């Protein structure tokens, strides 16, 4: 056996990552789902096991893909795996478009039809789901998550642990004044972000505003 690849997370996103991983590996590589909270014994053609059992496997090499959307949980699991000398594996669909001057750290998952254009810097464990794109001169922090069809236009800064929901659009910033999405901020699905989002804030709607009871009533 050449290597064993663990997909950490046997729920929805792990099921989407599985065929991408399978297409990247050789026939003698094995894929296993790692999930401490699952009652499944197997998923597709692969076993589902606990983390401690994964650690105990007798293999030439262990790799892991963290298929968890929550950035904070992803960080915790990533650090645990690295401390146990398990190497992170990067996933990139065959039709991902990377144009020029793209710098991206380890642990990323780039799903089908993702586009990264030019002069982009991306931190650790970035997840970009189906049909998302990042345009020119963007800086994205660690453990940032894009749900499907996120449109991140140019000159945008997205800080660590931010989550951007399905179909959200982030307006282009300026060269000397980028639009910023703060640390741990959440952009809800379908939102159009036209101005900076502070750390930890959840925004929604078009244009995107803070998610509060009062704002919800105004938009209804």
Protein backbone atom coordinates (compact mmCIF):
# COMPACT_ATOMS: atom_id res chain seq x y z
CA UNK A 1 0.00 0.00 0.00
CA UNK A 2 1.39 3.35 -1.04
CA UNK A 3 -0.51 5.70 1.31
CA UNK A 4 -3.73 6.20 3.25
CA UNK A 5 -5.75 9.39 2.81
CA UNK A 6 -8.23 10.35 5.50
CA UNK A 7 -11.16 12.64 4.77
CA UNK A 8 -11.93 14.17 8.17
CA UNK A 9 -15.71 14.54 8.15
CA UNK A 10 -18.20 11.96 6.85
CA UNK A 11 -21.12 14.34 6.36
CA UNK A 12 -22.19 16.36 3.30
CA UNK A 13 -18.98 18.14 2.35
CA UNK A 14 -16.86 15.04 2.90
CA UNK A 15 -19.08 13.23 0.40
CA UNK A 16 -18.35 15.94 -2.17
CA UNK A 17 -14.61 15.85 -1.52
CA UNK A 18 -14.43 12.06 -1.91
CA UNK A 19 -14.69 11.86 -5.74
CA UNK A 20 -12.22 14.74 -6.13
CA UNK A 21 -9.69 12.97 -3.95
CA UNK A 22 -10.27 9.65 -5.69
CA UNK A 23 -9.54 11.23 -9.07
CA UNK A 24 -6.16 12.51 -7.81
CA UNK A 25 -4.84 9.25 -6.35
CA UNK A 26 -3.25 6.08 -7.63
CA UNK A 27 -5.04 2.74 -7.59
CA UNK A 28 -3.04 1.43 -4.64
CA UNK A 29 -3.83 4.43 -2.41
CA UNK A 30 -6.62 3.98 0.13
CA UNK A 31 -9.27 6.51 1.17
CA UNK A 32 -10.83 6.40 4.64
CA UNK A 33 -13.38 8.68 6.26
CA UNK A 34 -12.41 9.88 9.73
CA UNK A 35 -15.30 10.98 11.93
CA UNK A 36 -15.48 10.74 15.72
CA UNK A 37 -19.22 11.40 15.80
CA UNK A 38 -20.51 9.23 12.96
CA UNK A 39 -22.45 5.99 13.37
CA UNK A 40 -21.59 4.87 9.84
CA UNK A 41 -19.34 1.89 9.21
CA UNK A 42 -18.71 2.78 5.58
CA UNK A 43 -19.45 5.46 3.01
CA UNK A 44 -19.22 4.83 -0.73
CA UNK A 45 -16.37 2.31 -1.01
CA UNK A 46 -14.51 3.49 2.11
CA UNK A 47 -14.52 2.71 5.82
CA UNK A 48 -15.59 5.28 8.40
CA UNK A 49 -13.39 5.16 11.50
CA UNK A 50 -12.50 7.18 14.60
CA UNK A 51 -9.41 9.37 14.68
CA UNK A 52 -7.50 7.15 17.12
CA UNK A 53 -8.03 4.17 14.83
CA UNK A 54 -6.80 6.23 11.87
CA UNK A 55 -3.63 7.06 13.82
CA UNK A 56 -2.98 3.39 14.50
CA UNK A 57 -3.07 2.30 10.86
CA UNK A 58 0.09 0.64 9.61
CA UNK A 59 0.86 2.63 6.48
CA UNK A 60 3.78 4.03 4.59
CA UNK A 61 2.27 7.49 4.94
CA UNK A 62 -0.88 9.11 6.37
CA UNK A 63 -2.47 12.18 4.79
CA UNK A 64 -5.60 14.06 5.82
CA UNK A 65 -8.12 16.41 4.21
CA UNK A 66 -10.24 18.42 6.66
CA UNK A 67 -13.70 18.51 5.04
CA UNK A 68 -15.33 20.71 7.70
CA UNK A 69 -16.90 24.08 6.81
CA UNK A 70 -16.49 25.68 10.26
CA UNK A 71 -13.09 27.38 10.24
CA UNK A 72 -12.56 27.18 14.00
CA UNK A 73 -13.18 23.44 14.04
CA UNK A 74 -10.98 23.09 10.96
CA UNK A 75 -8.14 24.84 12.78
CA UNK A 76 -8.49 22.57 15.82
CA UNK A 77 -8.49 19.39 13.74
CA UNK A 78 -5.64 20.64 11.55
CA UNK A 79 -3.43 21.33 14.57
CA UNK A 80 -4.26 17.93 16.06
CA UNK A 81 -3.29 16.16 12.85
CA UNK A 82 -0.07 18.14 12.41
CA UNK A 83 0.91 17.43 16.02
CA UNK A 84 0.52 13.72 15.23
CA UNK A 85 2.72 14.10 12.13
CA UNK A 86 -0.15 13.60 9.68
CA UNK A 87 0.44 15.62 6.54
CA UNK A 88 -2.25 17.87 5.07
CA UNK A 89 -3.27 17.06 1.52
CA UNK A 90 -4.50 19.65 -0.98
CA UNK A 91 -7.54 19.03 -3.19
CA UNK A 92 -7.96 20.80 -6.53
CA UNK A 93 -10.50 19.83 -9.17
CA UNK A 94 -9.13 19.34 -12.66
CA UNK A 95 -11.10 22.29 -14.05
CA UNK A 96 -10.01 24.86 -11.45
CA UNK A 97 -8.63 27.97 -13.18
CA UNK A 98 -5.56 29.59 -11.62
CA UNK A 99 -4.33 32.42 -13.83
CA UNK A 100 -1.19 34.21 -12.56
CA UNK A 101 0.64 35.05 -9.31
CA UNK A 102 -1.47 32.92 -6.98
CA UNK A 103 0.02 32.17 -3.56
CA UNK A 104 -1.98 29.69 -1.49
CA UNK A 105 -0.99 27.93 1.72
CA UNK A 106 -1.51 24.25 2.58
CA UNK A 107 -4.71 22.38 3.36
CA UNK A 108 -6.89 23.93 0.66
CA UNK A 109 -9.89 22.43 -1.12
CA UNK A 110 -10.76 23.94 -4.50
CA UNK A 111 -13.96 22.44 -5.88
CA UNK A 112 -14.98 22.23 -9.56
CA UNK A 113 -15.27 25.46 -11.56
CA UNK A 114 -13.44 27.60 -8.99
CA UNK A 115 -11.46 30.49 -10.50
CA UNK A 116 -8.52 32.38 -8.97
CA UNK A 117 -7.44 35.21 -11.28
CA UNK A 118 -4.28 37.24 -10.52
CA UNK A 119 -2.12 38.60 -7.70
CA UNK A 120 -3.95 36.72 -4.95
CA UNK A 121 -2.64 35.64 -1.57
CA UNK A 122 -4.56 32.97 0.38
CA UNK A 123 -3.78 31.54 3.82
CA UNK A 124 -4.06 28.08 5.36
CA UNK A 125 -6.95 25.66 4.87
CA UNK A 126 -8.99 27.70 2.39
CA UNK A 127 -12.18 26.06 1.11
CA UNK A 128 -13.78 27.31 -2.12
CA UNK A 129 -16.90 25.45 -3.12
CA UNK A 130 -18.46 25.01 -6.58
CA UNK A 131 -18.37 27.97 -9.01
CA UNK A 132 -16.75 30.41 -6.58
CA UNK A 133 -14.17 32.91 -7.74
CA UNK A 134 -11.55 35.24 -6.27
CA UNK A 135 -10.59 38.20 -8.45
CA UNK A 136 -7.38 40.24 -8.67
CA UNK A 137 -5.47 41.70 -5.73
CA UNK A 138 -7.36 39.91 -2.98
CA UNK A 139 -5.86 38.78 0.33
CA UNK A 140 -7.61 35.94 2.15
CA UNK A 141 -6.62 34.81 5.64
CA UNK A 142 -6.48 31.39 7.30
CA UNK A 143 -9.45 28.98 7.59
CA UNK A 144 -11.74 31.02 5.36
CA UNK A 145 -14.73 29.24 3.82
CA UNK A 146 -16.58 30.03 0.59
CA UNK A 147 -19.88 28.23 0.02
CA UNK A 148 -20.92 27.61 -3.63
CA UNK A 149 -21.02 30.49 -6.14
CA UNK A 150 -19.32 33.16 -4.01
CA UNK A 151 -18.19 36.14 -6.10
CA UNK A 152 -15.24 37.87 -4.45
CA UNK A 153 -14.31 40.81 -6.65
CA UNK A 154 -10.95 42.59 -6.76
CA UNK A 155 -9.16 44.45 -3.96
CA UNK A 156 -10.87 42.63 -1.11
CA UNK A 157 -9.33 41.54 2.20
CA UNK A 158 -11.00 38.64 4.02
CA UNK A 159 -9.60 37.91 7.46
CA UNK A 160 -9.21 34.58 9.32
CA UNK A 161 -12.22 32.31 9.96
CA UNK A 162 -14.66 34.33 7.86
CA UNK A 163 -17.52 32.41 6.24
CA UNK A 164 -19.14 33.57 3.01
CA UNK A 165 -22.47 31.96 2.16
CA UNK A 166 -23.86 30.60 -1.09
CA UNK A 167 -24.26 33.12 -3.89
CA UNK A 168 -22.88 36.06 -1.92
CA UNK A 169 -21.27 38.89 -3.87
CA UNK A 170 -18.49 41.04 -2.43
CA UNK A 171 -18.17 44.38 -4.19
CA UNK A 172 -14.77 45.38 -5.56
CA UNK A 173 -12.65 47.55 -3.29
CA UNK A 174 -10.13 50.18 -4.29
CA UNK A 175 -6.40 49.74 -4.80
CA UNK A 176 -5.52 51.95 -1.83
CA UNK A 177 -8.67 51.14 0.15
CA UNK A 178 -9.68 47.46 -0.09
CA UNK A 179 -13.08 46.30 1.09
CA UNK A 180 -12.59 44.26 4.28
CA UNK A 181 -14.45 41.28 5.72
CA UNK A 182 -13.37 41.02 9.36
CA UNK A 183 -12.10 38.07 11.37
CA UNK A 184 -14.81 35.51 12.06
CA UNK A 185 -17.44 37.50 10.15
CA UNK A 186 -20.32 35.68 8.45
CA UNK A 187 -21.84 36.78 5.16
CA UNK A 188 -25.18 35.07 4.73
CA UNK A 189 -26.26 33.40 1.50
CA UNK A 190 -27.32 35.75 -1.29
CA UNK A 191 -25.92 38.88 0.34
CA UNK A 192 -24.36 41.77 -1.60
CA UNK A 193 -21.54 43.24 0.49
CA UNK A 194 -20.87 46.87 -0.41
CA UNK A 195 -18.90 48.05 2.63
CA UNK A 196 -16.56 46.75 5.32
CA UNK A 197 -17.84 44.05 7.69
CA UNK A 198 -16.43 44.28 11.25
CA UNK A 199 -14.88 41.32 13.06
CA UNK A 200 -17.41 38.74 14.17
CA UNK A 201 -20.42 40.43 12.56
CA UNK A 202 -23.09 38.53 10.61
CA UNK A 203 -24.53 40.42 7.64
CA UNK A 204 -27.38 39.67 5.24
CA UNK A 205 -29.33 41.10 2.35
CA UNK A 206 -28.80 43.50 -0.55
CA UNK A 207 -27.07 45.69 0.37
CA UNK A 208 -25.71 43.64 3.26
CA UNK A 209 -26.42 44.97 6.75
CA UNK A 210 -25.92 43.59 10.25
CA UNK A 211 -28.20 40.70 11.17
CA UNK A 212 -30.36 42.00 14.04
CA UNK A 213 -34.05 41.54 14.88
CA UNK A 214 -34.73 45.16 13.95
CA UNK A 215 -33.01 44.87 10.59
CA UNK A 216 -34.81 41.62 9.83
CA UNK A 217 -38.18 43.32 10.47
CA UNK A 218 -37.24 46.22 8.17
CA UNK A 219 -36.33 43.85 5.34
CA UNK A 220 -39.45 41.69 5.63
